[in-house]
Amino acid sequence: MSTFGSPGALPTTKPTPPQRGSFPLDHDGECKKAMTSYLACMKKVRGVNEDECRNLAKAYLSCRMD
């Protein structure tokens, strides 16, 4: 007896995660200075999207991507 909506006997594939993750954790603290300066900026402007904080966020993310 067949079930409605099932594709039949198609093989199932399981996704494999990346070896180091899509965005590896900063265990060595290489970007800690950039992170703390960004968080201090966000605290100073009370979460408003300021150009200064945006540039710090770009610097932090580029540090994380390297």
PDB file of N, CA and C in Angstrom:
ATOM      1  N   MET A   1       0.840  -1.179   0.000  1.00  0.00           N
ATOM      2  CA  MET A   1       0.000   0.000   0.000  1.00  0.00           C
ATOM      3  C   MET A   1       0.884   1.241   0.000  1.00  0.00           C
ATOM      4  N   SER A   2       0.616   2.162  -0.891  1.00  0.00           N
ATOM      5  CA  SER A   2       1.437   3.371  -0.968  1.00  0.00           C
ATOM      6  C   SER A   2       0.820   4.482  -0.130  1.00  0.00           C
ATOM      7  N   THR A   3       1.679   5.388   0.311  1.00  0.00           N
ATOM      8  CA  THR A   3       1.197   6.538   1.077  1.00  0.00           C
ATOM      9  C   THR A   3       1.159   7.740   0.161  1.00  0.00           C
ATOM     10  N   PHE A   4       0.213   8.600   0.399  1.00  0.00           N
ATOM     11  CA  PHE A   4       0.074   9.790  -0.437  1.00  0.00           C
ATOM     12  C   PHE A   4       1.167  10.795  -0.120  1.00  0.00           C
ATOM     13  N   GLY A   5       1.744  11.378  -1.141  1.00  0.00           N
ATOM     14  CA  GLY A   5       2.729  12.434  -0.970  1.00  0.00           C
ATOM     15  C   GLY A   5       4.161  11.963  -0.821  1.00  0.00           C
ATOM     16  N   SER A   6       4.398  10.678  -0.645  1.00  0.00           N
ATOM     17  CA  SER A   6       5.782  10.229  -0.510  1.00  0.00           C
ATOM     18  C   SER A   6       6.397  10.073  -1.893  1.00  0.00           C
ATOM     19  N   PRO A   7       7.672  10.398  -2.030  1.00  0.00           N
ATOM     20  CA  PRO A   7       8.299  10.355  -3.346  1.00  0.00           C
ATOM     21  C   PRO A   7       8.641   8.960  -3.827  1.00  0.00           C
ATOM     22  N   GLY A   8       8.420   7.968  -3.027  1.00  0.00           N
ATOM     23  CA  GLY A   8       8.756   6.623  -3.456  1.00  0.00           C
ATOM     24  C   GLY A   8      10.068   6.179  -2.848  1.00  0.00           C
ATOM     25  N   ALA A   9      10.792   5.378  -3.569  1.00  0.00           N
ATOM     26  CA  ALA A   9      12.020   4.790  -3.047  1.00  0.00           C
ATOM     27  C   ALA A   9      13.243   5.602  -3.449  1.00  0.00           C
ATOM     28  N   LEU A  10      13.237   6.892  -3.211  1.00  0.00           N
ATOM     29  CA  LEU A  10      14.401   7.724  -3.511  1.00  0.00           C
ATOM     30  C   LEU A  10      15.413   7.610  -2.375  1.00  0.00           C
ATOM     31  N   PRO A  11      16.685   7.603  -2.688  1.00  0.00           N
ATOM     32  CA  PRO A  11      17.688   7.529  -1.616  1.00  0.00           C
ATOM     33  C   PRO A  11      17.696   8.825  -0.795  1.00  0.00           C
ATOM     34  N   THR A  12      17.885   8.669   0.485  1.00  0.00           N
ATOM     35  CA  THR A  12      17.945   9.846   1.358  1.00  0.00           C
ATOM     36  C   THR A  12      19.394  10.249   1.553  1.00  0.00           C
ATOM     37  N   THR A  13      19.640  11.533   1.562  1.00  0.00           N
ATOM     38  CA  THR A  13      20.992  12.038   1.792  1.00  0.00           C
ATOM     39  C   THR A  13      21.004  12.844   3.076  1.00  0.00           C
ATOM     40  N   LYS A  14      22.047  12.675   3.838  1.00  0.00           N
ATOM     41  CA  LYS A  14      22.197  13.426   5.074  1.00  0.00           C
ATOM     42  C   LYS A  14      23.246  14.511   4.857  1.00  0.00           C
ATOM     43  N   PRO A  15      22.946  15.744   5.268  1.00  0.00           N
ATOM     44  CA  PRO A  15      23.936  16.813   5.099  1.00  0.00           C
ATOM     45  C   PRO A  15      25.122  16.601   6.031  1.00  0.00           C
ATOM     46  N   THR A  16      26.289  16.964   5.564  1.00  0.00           N
ATOM     47  CA  THR A  16      27.483  16.864   6.399  1.00  0.00           C
ATOM     48  C   THR A  16      27.922  18.270   6.796  1.00  0.00           C
ATOM     49  N   PRO A  17      28.165  18.494   8.077  1.00  0.00           N
ATOM     50  CA  PRO A  17      28.577  19.825   8.519  1.00  0.00           C
ATOM     51  C   PRO A  17      30.009  20.125   8.094  1.00  0.00           C
ATOM     52  N   PRO A  18      30.366  21.405   7.990  1.00  0.00           N
ATOM     53  CA  PRO A  18      31.752  21.751   7.667  1.00  0.00           C
ATOM     54  C   PRO A  18      32.688  21.312   8.786  1.00  0.00           C
ATOM     55  N   GLN A  19      33.935  21.082   8.471  1.00  0.00           N
ATOM     56  CA  GLN A  19      34.881  20.581   9.456  1.00  0.00           C
ATOM     57  C   GLN A  19      35.094  21.554  10.604  1.00  0.00           C
ATOM     58  N   ARG A  20      35.255  22.827  10.307  1.00  0.00           N
ATOM     59  CA  ARG A  20      35.530  23.806  11.349  1.00  0.00           C
ATOM     60  C   ARG A  20      34.328  24.691  11.646  1.00  0.00           C
ATOM     61  N   GLY A  21      33.197  24.398  11.080  1.00  0.00           N
ATOM     62  CA  GLY A  21      32.023  25.233  11.264  1.00  0.00           C
ATOM     63  C   GLY A  21      32.011  26.362  10.258  1.00  0.00           C
ATOM     64  N   SER A  22      30.867  26.942  10.058  1.00  0.00           N
ATOM     65  CA  SER A  22      30.778  28.013   9.079  1.00  0.00           C
ATOM     66  C   SER A  22      31.379  29.308   9.601  1.00  0.00           C
ATOM     67  N   PHE A  23      31.455  29.452  10.912  1.00  0.00           N
ATOM     68  CA  PHE A  23      32.025  30.650  11.526  1.00  0.00           C
ATOM     69  C   PHE A  23      32.734  30.194  12.802  1.00  0.00           C
ATOM     70  N   PRO A  24      33.990  29.754  12.724  1.00  0.00           N
ATOM     71  CA  PRO A  24      34.676  29.164  13.873  1.00  0.00           C
ATOM     72  C   PRO A  24      34.737  30.106  15.072  1.00  0.00           C
ATOM     73  N   LEU A  25      34.702  29.526  16.252  1.00  0.00           N
ATOM     74  CA  LEU A  25      34.796  30.309  17.479  1.00  0.00           C
ATOM     75  C   LEU A  25      36.193  30.884  17.640  1.00  0.00           C
ATOM     76  N   ASP A  26      36.270  31.987  18.318  1.00  0.00           N
ATOM     77  CA  ASP A  26      37.543  32.686  18.526  1.00  0.00           C
ATOM     78  C   ASP A  26      38.157  32.212  19.849  1.00  0.00           C
ATOM     79  N   HIS A  27      38.609  30.957  19.879  1.00  0.00           N
ATOM     80  CA  HIS A  27      39.144  30.382  21.112  1.00  0.00           C
ATOM     81  C   HIS A  27      40.423  31.076  21.572  1.00  0.00           C
ATOM     82  N   ASP A  28      41.233  31.554  20.647  1.00  0.00           N
ATOM     83  CA  ASP A  28      42.508  32.171  21.009  1.00  0.00           C
ATOM     84  C   ASP A  28      42.378  33.644  21.361  1.00  0.00           C
ATOM     85  N   GLY A  29      41.210  34.225  21.170  1.00  0.00           N
ATOM     86  CA  GLY A  29      40.998  35.633  21.512  1.00  0.00           C
ATOM     87  C   GLY A  29      41.693  36.599  20.575  1.00  0.00           C
ATOM     88  N   GLU A  30      41.890  36.194  19.325  1.00  0.00           N
ATOM     89  CA  GLU A  30      42.580  37.052  18.362  1.00  0.00           C
ATOM     90  C   GLU A  30      41.795  38.328  18.067  1.00  0.00           C
ATOM     91  N   CYS A  31      40.480  38.265  18.150  1.00  0.00           N
ATOM     92  CA  CYS A  31      39.635  39.412  17.794  1.00  0.00           C
ATOM     93  C   CYS A  31      38.972  40.044  19.015  1.00  0.00           C
ATOM     94  N   LYS A  32      39.476  39.747  20.200  1.00  0.00           N
ATOM     95  CA  LYS A  32      38.841  40.237  21.421  1.00  0.00           C
ATOM     96  C   LYS A  32      38.881  41.758  21.517  1.00  0.00           C
ATOM     97  N   LYS A  33      39.985  42.368  21.105  1.00  0.00           N
ATOM     98  CA  LYS A  33      40.096  43.826  21.179  1.00  0.00           C
ATOM     99  C   LYS A  33      39.057  44.496  20.281  1.00  0.00           C
ATOM    100  N   ALA A  34      38.903  43.986  19.071  1.00  0.00           N
ATOM    101  CA  ALA A  34      37.907  44.539  18.150  1.00  0.00           C
ATOM    102  C   ALA A  34      36.499  44.333  18.690  1.00  0.00           C
ATOM    103  N   MET A  35      36.262  43.181  19.311  1.00  0.00           N
ATOM    104  CA  MET A  35      34.939  42.898  19.857  1.00  0.00           C
ATOM    105  C   MET A  35      34.604  43.828  21.020  1.00  0.00           C
ATOM    106  N   THR A  36      35.549  44.024  21.936  1.00  0.00           N
ATOM    107  CA  THR A  36      35.266  44.874  23.093  1.00  0.00           C
ATOM    108  C   THR A  36      35.085  46.331  22.686  1.00  0.00           C
ATOM    109  N   SER A  37      35.836  46.790  21.695  1.00  0.00           N
ATOM    110  CA  SER A  37      35.650  48.173  21.250  1.00  0.00           C
ATOM    111  C   SER A  37      34.294  48.342  20.566  1.00  0.00           C
ATOM    112  N   TYR A  38      33.855  47.348  19.818  1.00  0.00           N
ATOM    113  CA  TYR A  38      32.532  47.413  19.192  1.00  0.00           C
ATOM    114  C   TYR A  38      31.435  47.416  20.250  1.00  0.00           C
ATOM    115  N   LEU A  39      31.544  46.529  21.236  1.00  0.00           N
ATOM    116  CA  LEU A  39      30.523  46.474  22.285  1.00  0.00           C
ATOM    117  C   LEU A  39      30.502  47.746  23.115  1.00  0.00           C
ATOM    118  N   ALA A  40      31.667  48.337  23.363  1.00  0.00           N
ATOM    119  CA  ALA A  40      31.713  49.608  24.094  1.00  0.00           C
ATOM    120  C   ALA A  40      31.051  50.716  23.286  1.00  0.00           C
ATOM    121  N   CYS A  41      31.256  50.714  21.990  1.00  0.00           N
ATOM    122  CA  CYS A  41      30.620  51.710  21.123  1.00  0.00           C
ATOM    123  C   CYS A  41      29.103  51.540  21.148  1.00  0.00           C
ATOM    124  N   MET A  42      28.634  50.313  21.063  1.00  0.00           N
ATOM    125  CA  MET A  42      27.193  50.070  21.093  1.00  0.00           C
ATOM    126  C   MET A  42      26.582  50.499  22.422  1.00  0.00           C
ATOM    127  N   LYS A  43      27.322  50.285  23.494  1.00  0.00           N
ATOM    128  CA  LYS A  43      26.830  50.705  24.806  1.00  0.00           C
ATOM    129  C   LYS A  43      26.791  52.230  24.900  1.00  0.00           C
ATOM    130  N   LYS A  44      27.807  52.882  24.311  1.00  0.00           N
ATOM    131  CA  LYS A  44      27.896  54.341  24.365  1.00  0.00           C
ATOM    132  C   LYS A  44      26.740  55.005  23.615  1.00  0.00           C
ATOM    133  N   VAL A  45      26.383  54.472  22.461  1.00  0.00           N
ATOM    134  CA  VAL A  45      25.323  55.082  21.654  1.00  0.00           C
ATOM    135  C   VAL A  45      23.959  54.447  21.913  1.00  0.00           C
ATOM    136  N   ARG A  46      23.906  53.567  22.900  1.00  0.00           N
ATOM    137  CA  ARG A  46      22.658  52.906  23.326  1.00  0.00           C
ATOM    138  C   ARG A  46      21.978  52.150  22.186  1.00  0.00           C
ATOM    139  N   GLY A  47      22.776  51.450  21.412  1.00  0.00           N
ATOM    140  CA  GLY A  47      22.249  50.570  20.375  1.00  0.00           C
ATOM    141  C   GLY A  47      21.844  51.237  19.077  1.00  0.00           C
ATOM    142  N   VAL A  48      22.047  52.550  18.959  1.00  0.00           N
ATOM    143  CA  VAL A  48      21.709  53.253  17.720  1.00  0.00           C
ATOM    144  C   VAL A  48      22.760  52.902  16.663  1.00  0.00           C
ATOM    145  N   ASN A  49      22.333  52.793  15.426  1.00  0.00           N
ATOM    146  CA  ASN A  49      23.224  52.394  14.333  1.00  0.00           C
ATOM    147  C   ASN A  49      24.069  53.590  13.896  1.00  0.00           C
ATOM    148  N   GLU A  50      25.205  53.788  14.542  1.00  0.00           N
ATOM    149  CA  GLU A  50      26.112  54.900  14.237  1.00  0.00           C
ATOM    150  C   GLU A  50      27.199  54.441  13.264  1.00  0.00           C
ATOM    151  N   ASP A  51      27.733  55.391  12.494  1.00  0.00           N
ATOM    152  CA  ASP A  51      28.802  55.070  11.540  1.00  0.00           C
ATOM    153  C   ASP A  51      30.043  54.530  12.239  1.00  0.00           C
ATOM    154  N   GLU A  52      30.376  55.119  13.382  1.00  0.00           N
ATOM    155  CA  GLU A  52      31.565  54.680  14.124  1.00  0.00           C
ATOM    156  C   GLU A  52      31.430  53.210  14.519  1.00  0.00           C
ATOM    157  N   CYS A  53      30.267  52.840  15.062  1.00  0.00           N
ATOM    158  CA  CYS A  53      30.057  51.454  15.476  1.00  0.00           C
ATOM    159  C   CYS A  53      29.992  50.520  14.270  1.00  0.00           C
ATOM    160  N   ARG A  54      29.451  51.009  13.183  1.00  0.00           N
ATOM    161  CA  ARG A  54      29.366  50.188  11.978  1.00  0.00           C
ATOM    162  C   ARG A  54      30.759  49.854  11.462  1.00  0.00           C
ATOM    163  N   ASN A  55      31.663  50.821  11.505  1.00  0.00           N
ATOM    164  CA  ASN A  55      33.045  50.569  11.071  1.00  0.00           C
ATOM    165  C   ASN A  55      33.746  49.597  12.008  1.00  0.00           C
ATOM    166  N   LEU A  56      33.467  49.701  13.311  1.00  0.00           N
ATOM    167  CA  LEU A  56      34.050  48.753  14.262  1.00  0.00           C
ATOM    168  C   LEU A  56      33.505  47.348  14.028  1.00  0.00           C
ATOM    169  N   ALA A  57      32.226  47.252  13.686  1.00  0.00           N
ATOM    170  CA  ALA A  57      31.637  45.945  13.394  1.00  0.00           C
ATOM    171  C   ALA A  57      32.282  45.334  12.154  1.00  0.00           C
ATOM    172  N   LYS A  58      32.529  46.156  11.136  1.00  0.00           N
ATOM    173  CA  LYS A  58      33.201  45.665   9.925  1.00  0.00           C
ATOM    174  C   LYS A  58      34.599  45.157  10.252  1.00  0.00           C
ATOM    175  N   ALA A  59      35.305  45.892  11.103  1.00  0.00           N
ATOM    176  CA  ALA A  59      36.659  45.477  11.483  1.00  0.00           C
ATOM    177  C   ALA A  59      36.624  44.162  12.253  1.00  0.00           C
ATOM    178  N   TYR A  60      35.658  44.028  13.149  1.00  0.00           N
ATOM    179  CA  TYR A  60      35.537  42.796  13.931  1.00  0.00           C
ATOM    180  C   TYR A  60      35.209  41.607  13.027  1.00  0.00           C
ATOM    181  N   LEU A  61      34.251  41.789  12.129  1.00  0.00           N
ATOM    182  CA  LEU A  61      33.874  40.683  11.251  1.00  0.00           C
ATOM    183  C   LEU A  61      34.988  40.319  10.277  1.00  0.00           C
ATOM    184  N   SER A  62      35.732  41.310   9.805  1.00  0.00           N
ATOM    185  CA  SER A  62      36.852  40.977   8.914  1.00  0.00           C
ATOM    186  C   SER A  62      37.948  40.248   9.680  1.00  0.00           C
ATOM    187  N   CYS A  63      38.131  40.600  10.945  1.00  0.00           N
ATOM    188  CA  CYS A  63      39.091  39.869  11.785  1.00  0.00           C
ATOM    189  C   CYS A  63      38.644  38.421  11.953  1.00  0.00           C
ATOM    190  N   ARG A  64      37.362  38.211  12.165  1.00  0.00           N
ATOM    191  CA  ARG A  64      36.844  36.856  12.349  1.00  0.00           C
ATOM    192  C   ARG A  64      36.935  36.038  11.070  1.00  0.00           C
ATOM    193  N   MET A  65      36.812  36.694   9.927  1.00  0.00           N
ATOM    194  CA  MET A  65      36.861  35.962   8.666  1.00  0.00           C
ATOM    195  C   MET A  65      38.289  35.583   8.275  1.00  0.00           C
ATOM    196  N   ASP A  66      39.281  36.281   8.812  1.00  0.00           N
ATOM    197  CA  ASP A  66      40.685  35.979   8.477  1.00  0.00           C
ATOM    198  C   ASP A  66      41.213  34.781   9.206  1.00  0.00           C
TER     199      ASP A  66
END
